[in-house]
C-alpha atoms as a PDB file:
ATOM      1  CA  UNK A   1      -7.311 -10.027  15.689  1.00  0.00           C
ATOM      2  CA  UNK A   2      -5.052  -9.293  18.672  1.00  0.00           C
ATOM      3  CA  UNK A   3      -7.998  -9.367  21.078  1.00  0.00           C
ATOM      4  CA  UNK A   4      -9.040 -12.761  19.715  1.00  0.00           C
ATOM      5  CA  UNK A   5      -5.455 -14.068  20.070  1.00  0.00           C
ATOM      6  CA  UNK A   6      -5.273 -14.626  16.329  1.00  0.00           C
ATOM      7  CA  UNK A   7      -2.437 -12.136  15.842  1.00  0.00           C
ATOM      8  CA  UNK A   8       0.698 -11.841  17.952  1.00  0.00           C
ATOM      9  CA  UNK A   9       2.406  -8.605  16.839  1.00  0.00           C
ATOM     10  CA  UNK A  10       5.702  -9.850  18.303  1.00  0.00           C
ATOM     11  CA  UNK A  11       5.741 -12.969  16.127  1.00  0.00           C
ATOM     12  CA  UNK A  12       7.503 -12.592  12.767  1.00  0.00           C
ATOM     13  CA  UNK A  13       5.397 -15.353  11.166  1.00  0.00           C
ATOM     14  CA  UNK A  14       2.190 -13.603  12.212  1.00  0.00           C
ATOM     15  CA  UNK A  15       3.422 -10.272  10.841  1.00  0.00           C
ATOM     16  CA  UNK A  16       4.517 -11.915   7.601  1.00  0.00           C
ATOM     17  CA  UNK A  17       1.086 -13.546   7.150  1.00  0.00           C
ATOM     18  CA  UNK A  18      -0.641 -10.280   8.077  1.00  0.00           C
ATOM     19  CA  UNK A  19       1.319  -8.367   5.442  1.00  0.00           C
ATOM     20  CA  UNK A  20       0.954 -11.113   2.829  1.00  0.00           C
ATOM     21  CA  UNK A  21      -2.847 -11.083   3.118  1.00  0.00           C
ATOM     22  CA  UNK A  22      -3.770  -7.525   4.035  1.00  0.00           C
ATOM     23  CA  UNK A  23      -1.328  -5.267   2.148  1.00  0.00           C
ATOM     24  CA  UNK A  24      -2.693  -6.253  -1.298  1.00  0.00           C
ATOM     25  CA  UNK A  25      -6.262  -5.883  -0.013  1.00  0.00           C
ATOM     26  CA  UNK A  26      -5.580  -2.436   1.451  1.00  0.00           C
ATOM     27  CA  UNK A  27      -3.809  -1.340  -1.734  1.00  0.00           C
ATOM     28  CA  UNK A  28      -6.752  -2.535  -3.837  1.00  0.00           C
ATOM     29  CA  UNK A  29      -9.154  -0.524  -1.673  1.00  0.00           C
ATOM     30  CA  UNK A  30      -6.979   2.604  -1.883  1.00  0.00           C
ATOM     31  CA  UNK A  31      -6.736   2.255  -5.657  1.00  0.00           C
ATOM     32  CA  UNK A  32     -10.499   1.796  -5.990  1.00  0.00           C
ATOM     33  CA  UNK A  33     -11.175   4.798  -3.751  1.00  0.00           C
ATOM     34  CA  UNK A  34      -8.707   7.049  -5.620  1.00  0.00           C
ATOM     35  CA  UNK A  35     -10.175   6.071  -8.995  1.00  0.00           C
ATOM     36  CA  UNK A  36     -13.725   6.668  -7.757  1.00  0.00           C
ATOM     37  CA  UNK A  37     -12.841   9.979  -6.134  1.00  0.00           C
ATOM     38  CA  UNK A  38     -10.937  11.300  -9.143  1.00  0.00           C
ATOM     39  CA  UNK A  39     -13.789  10.385 -11.475  1.00  0.00           C
ATOM     40  CA  UNK A  40     -16.878  11.411  -9.512  1.00  0.00           C
ATOM     41  CA  UNK A  41     -18.838  14.350 -10.830  1.00  0.00           C
ATOM     42  CA  UNK A  42     -18.990  17.575  -8.859  1.00  0.00           C
ATOM     43  CA  UNK A  43     -22.365  19.275  -9.117  1.00  0.00           C
ATOM     44  CA  UNK A  44     -21.004  22.770  -8.478  1.00  0.00           C
ATOM     45  CA  UNK A  45     -18.416  22.354 -11.259  1.00  0.00           C
ATOM     46  CA  UNK A  46     -20.960  21.556 -14.002  1.00  0.00           C
ATOM     47  CA  UNK A  47     -20.686  17.836 -13.232  1.00  0.00           C
ATOM     48  CA  UNK A  48     -17.037  17.684 -14.224  1.00  0.00           C
ATOM     49  CA  UNK A  49     -14.764  15.303 -12.344  1.00  0.00           C
ATOM     50  CA  UNK A  50     -11.672  16.257 -10.321  1.00  0.00           C
ATOM     51  CA  UNK A  51      -9.567  14.620 -13.046  1.00  0.00           C
ATOM     52  CA  UNK A  52     -11.238  16.722 -15.742  1.00  0.00           C
ATOM     53  CA  UNK A  53     -10.742  19.879 -13.683  1.00  0.00           C
ATOM     54  CA  UNK A  54      -7.065  19.082 -13.102  1.00  0.00           C
ATOM     55  CA  UNK A  55      -6.443  18.397 -16.799  1.00  0.00           C
ATOM     56  CA  UNK A  56      -8.311  21.560 -17.785  1.00  0.00           C
ATOM     57  CA  UNK A  57      -6.277  23.627 -15.331  1.00  0.00           C
ATOM     58  CA  UNK A  58      -3.027  22.060 -16.537  1.00  0.00           C
ATOM     59  CA  UNK A  59      -3.824  22.739 -20.181  1.00  0.00           C
ATOM     60  CA  UNK A  60      -4.871  26.320 -19.441  1.00  0.00           C
ATOM     61  CA  UNK A  61      -1.645  27.026 -17.533  1.00  0.00           C
ATOM     62  CA  UNK A  62       0.831  25.012 -19.595  1.00  0.00           C
ATOM     63  CA  UNK A  63       2.526  28.072 -21.102  1.00  0.00           C
ATOM     64  CA  UNK A  64       2.389  30.234 -17.983  1.00  0.00           C
ATOM     65  CA  UNK A  65       5.582  30.727 -16.050  1.00  0.00           C
ATOM     66  CA  UNK A  66       4.260  28.936 -12.957  1.00  0.00           C
ATOM     67  CA  UNK A  67       6.611  26.953 -10.757  1.00  0.00           C
ATOM     68  CA  UNK A  68       3.939  24.350 -10.013  1.00  0.00           C
ATOM     69  CA  UNK A  69       3.325  23.663 -13.704  1.00  0.00           C
ATOM     70  CA  UNK A  70       7.037  23.428 -14.455  1.00  0.00           C
ATOM     71  CA  UNK A  71       7.612  20.940 -11.651  1.00  0.00           C
ATOM     72  CA  UNK A  72       4.702  18.771 -12.832  1.00  0.00           C
ATOM     73  CA  UNK A  73       5.728  18.761 -16.469  1.00  0.00           C
ATOM     74  CA  UNK A  74       9.497  18.490 -16.003  1.00  0.00           C
ATOM     75  CA  UNK A  75      11.018  15.054 -16.546  1.00  0.00           C
ATOM     76  CA  UNK A  76      13.014  15.144 -13.303  1.00  0.00           C
ATOM     77  CA  UNK A  77      10.049  15.886 -11.032  1.00  0.00           C
ATOM     78  CA  UNK A  78      10.240  12.312  -9.689  1.00  0.00           C
ATOM     79  CA  UNK A  79      13.865  12.829  -8.607  1.00  0.00           C
ATOM     80  CA  UNK A  80      12.961  16.056  -6.832  1.00  0.00           C
ATOM     81  CA  UNK A  81      10.174  14.279  -4.961  1.00  0.00           C
ATOM     82  CA  UNK A  82      12.634  11.593  -3.834  1.00  0.00           C
ATOM     83  CA  UNK A  83      15.104  14.253  -2.659  1.00  0.00           C
ATOM     84  CA  UNK A  84      12.305  16.062  -0.804  1.00  0.00           C
ATOM     85  CA  UNK A  85      11.399  12.851   1.056  1.00  0.00           C
ATOM     86  CA  UNK A  86      15.055  12.163   1.934  1.00  0.00           C
ATOM     87  CA  UNK A  87      15.545  15.707   3.257  1.00  0.00           C
ATOM     88  CA  UNK A  88      12.362  15.525   5.325  1.00  0.00           C
ATOM     89  CA  UNK A  89      13.381  12.163   6.788  1.00  0.00           C
ATOM     90  CA  UNK A  90      16.735  13.631   7.834  1.00  0.00           C
ATOM     91  CA  UNK A  91      14.980  16.560   9.550  1.00  0.00           C
ATOM     92  CA  UNK A  92      12.393  14.428  11.369  1.00  0.00           C
ATOM     93  CA  UNK A  93      12.287  14.743  15.151  1.00  0.00           C
ATOM     94  CA  UNK A  94      14.496  12.074  16.752  1.00  0.00           C
ATOM     95  CA  UNK A  95      12.049  11.102  19.499  1.00  0.00           C
ATOM     96  CA  UNK A  96       9.190   9.764  17.403  1.00  0.00           C
ATOM     97  CA  UNK A  97       6.905   7.836  19.800  1.00  0.00           C
ATOM     98  CA  UNK A  98       5.537   5.558  17.072  1.00  0.00           C
ATOM     99  CA  UNK A  99       7.564   2.388  16.629  1.00  0.00           C
ATOM    100  CA  UNK A 100       6.812   0.304  13.576  1.00  0.00           C
ATOM    101  CA  UNK A 101       8.535  -3.074  13.612  1.00  0.00           C
ATOM    102  CA  UNK A 102      10.268  -4.041  10.412  1.00  0.00           C
ATOM    103  CA  UNK A 103       9.341  -7.233   8.683  1.00  0.00           C
ATOM    104  CA  UNK A 104      12.179  -9.624   8.115  1.00  0.00           C
ATOM    105  CA  UNK A 105      11.417 -12.141   5.397  1.00  0.00           C
ATOM    106  CA  UNK A 106      13.709 -15.061   6.149  1.00  0.00           C
ATOM    107  CA  UNK A 107      11.426 -17.273   4.130  1.00  0.00           C
ATOM    108  CA  UNK A 108      12.666 -18.997   1.038  1.00  0.00           C
ATOM    109  CA  UNK A 109      11.643 -18.184  -2.489  1.00  0.00           C
ATOM    110  CA  UNK A 110      10.118 -21.668  -2.584  1.00  0.00           C
ATOM    111  CA  UNK A 111       7.743 -20.789   0.274  1.00  0.00           C
ATOM    112  CA  UNK A 112       6.783 -17.476  -1.307  1.00  0.00           C
ATOM    113  CA  UNK A 113       6.039 -19.241  -4.596  1.00  0.00           C
ATOM    114  CA  UNK A 114       4.017 -21.900  -2.759  1.00  0.00           C
ATOM    115  CA  UNK A 115       1.927 -19.196  -1.080  1.00  0.00           C
ATOM    116  CA  UNK A 116       1.374 -17.375  -4.373  1.00  0.00           C
ATOM    117  CA  UNK A 117       0.174 -20.585  -6.025  1.00  0.00           C
ATOM    118  CA  UNK A 118      -2.104 -21.685  -3.199  1.00  0.00           C
ATOM    119  CA  UNK A 119      -3.394 -18.612  -1.355  1.00  0.00           C
ATOM    120  CA  UNK A 120      -4.731 -15.602  -3.223  1.00  0.00           C
ATOM    121  CA  UNK A 121      -4.656 -12.631  -0.837  1.00  0.00           C
ATOM    122  CA  UNK A 122      -7.394 -10.958  -2.894  1.00  0.00           C
ATOM    123  CA  UNK A 123      -9.745 -13.951  -2.818  1.00  0.00           C
ATOM    124  CA  UNK A 124     -13.296 -13.260  -1.617  1.00  0.00           C
ATOM    125  CA  UNK A 125     -13.769 -13.830   2.100  1.00  0.00           C
ATOM    126  CA  UNK A 126     -16.862 -13.744   4.292  1.00  0.00           C
ATOM    127  CA  UNK A 127     -14.618 -13.270   7.346  1.00  0.00           C
ATOM    128  CA  UNK A 128     -12.824 -10.071   6.276  1.00  0.00           C
ATOM    129  CA  UNK A 129      -9.795 -12.173   5.185  1.00  0.00           C
ATOM    130  CA  UNK A 130      -9.122 -13.497   8.686  1.00  0.00           C
ATOM    131  CA  UNK A 131      -9.650 -16.979   7.251  1.00  0.00           C
ATOM    132  CA  UNK A 132      -7.035 -16.285   4.558  1.00  0.00           C
ATOM    133  CA  UNK A 133      -4.643 -15.055   7.238  1.00  0.00           C
ATOM    134  CA  UNK A 134      -5.161 -18.338   9.136  1.00  0.00           C
ATOM    135  CA  UNK A 135      -4.610 -20.380   5.975  1.00  0.00           C
ATOM    136  CA  UNK A 136      -1.395 -18.469   5.313  1.00  0.00           C
ATOM    137  CA  UNK A 137      -0.110 -19.125   8.834  1.00  0.00           C
ATOM    138  CA  UNK A 138      -1.027 -22.808   8.558  1.00  0.00           C
ATOM    139  CA  UNK A 139       0.734 -23.128   5.195  1.00  0.00           C
ATOM    140  CA  UNK A 140       3.770 -21.299   6.571  1.00  0.00           C
ATOM    141  CA  UNK A 141       4.022 -23.587   9.601  1.00  0.00           C
ATOM    142  CA  UNK A 142       3.540 -26.729   7.478  1.00  0.00           C
ATOM    143  CA  UNK A 143       6.251 -25.571   5.099  1.00  0.00           C
ATOM    144  CA  UNK A 144       8.627 -24.860   7.990  1.00  0.00           C
ATOM    145  CA  UNK A 145       7.935 -28.288   9.564  1.00  0.00           C
ATOM    146  CA  UNK A 146       8.703 -30.103   6.296  1.00  0.00           C
ATOM    147  CA  UNK A 147      11.864 -28.113   5.585  1.00  0.00           C
ATOM    148  CA  UNK A 148      13.692 -28.223   8.921  1.00  0.00           C
END
């Protein structure tokens, strides 16, 4: 999209439209992949799925004094995961060469609602959603022109 001058990564409107259209599509694909992977049969495991193997292993080890099982079954495991991420972020190297620009959403709730009603980011597209991205940009610019 950059090569075709459709996307300017320095333009907040372009980044907003990119995220509006492609984040839900990427998430849908990740969810579909994870579901398929977790439920595919493994020939060498008597055609059981990874999910079945995980559940079987959890049930077999539920009463064992294993740290991994305790952390999975404890109610505060989510809090520990959050603390782990915070500690790792604090210990990250300071000179990370990857710069990811933040997305500022200065757009009104009215615009967001208008986009949700008129442009479905998960709609079928023969152009890999580039057409939906263009429609989102057009709608965004029209909305901004009418509300200045």
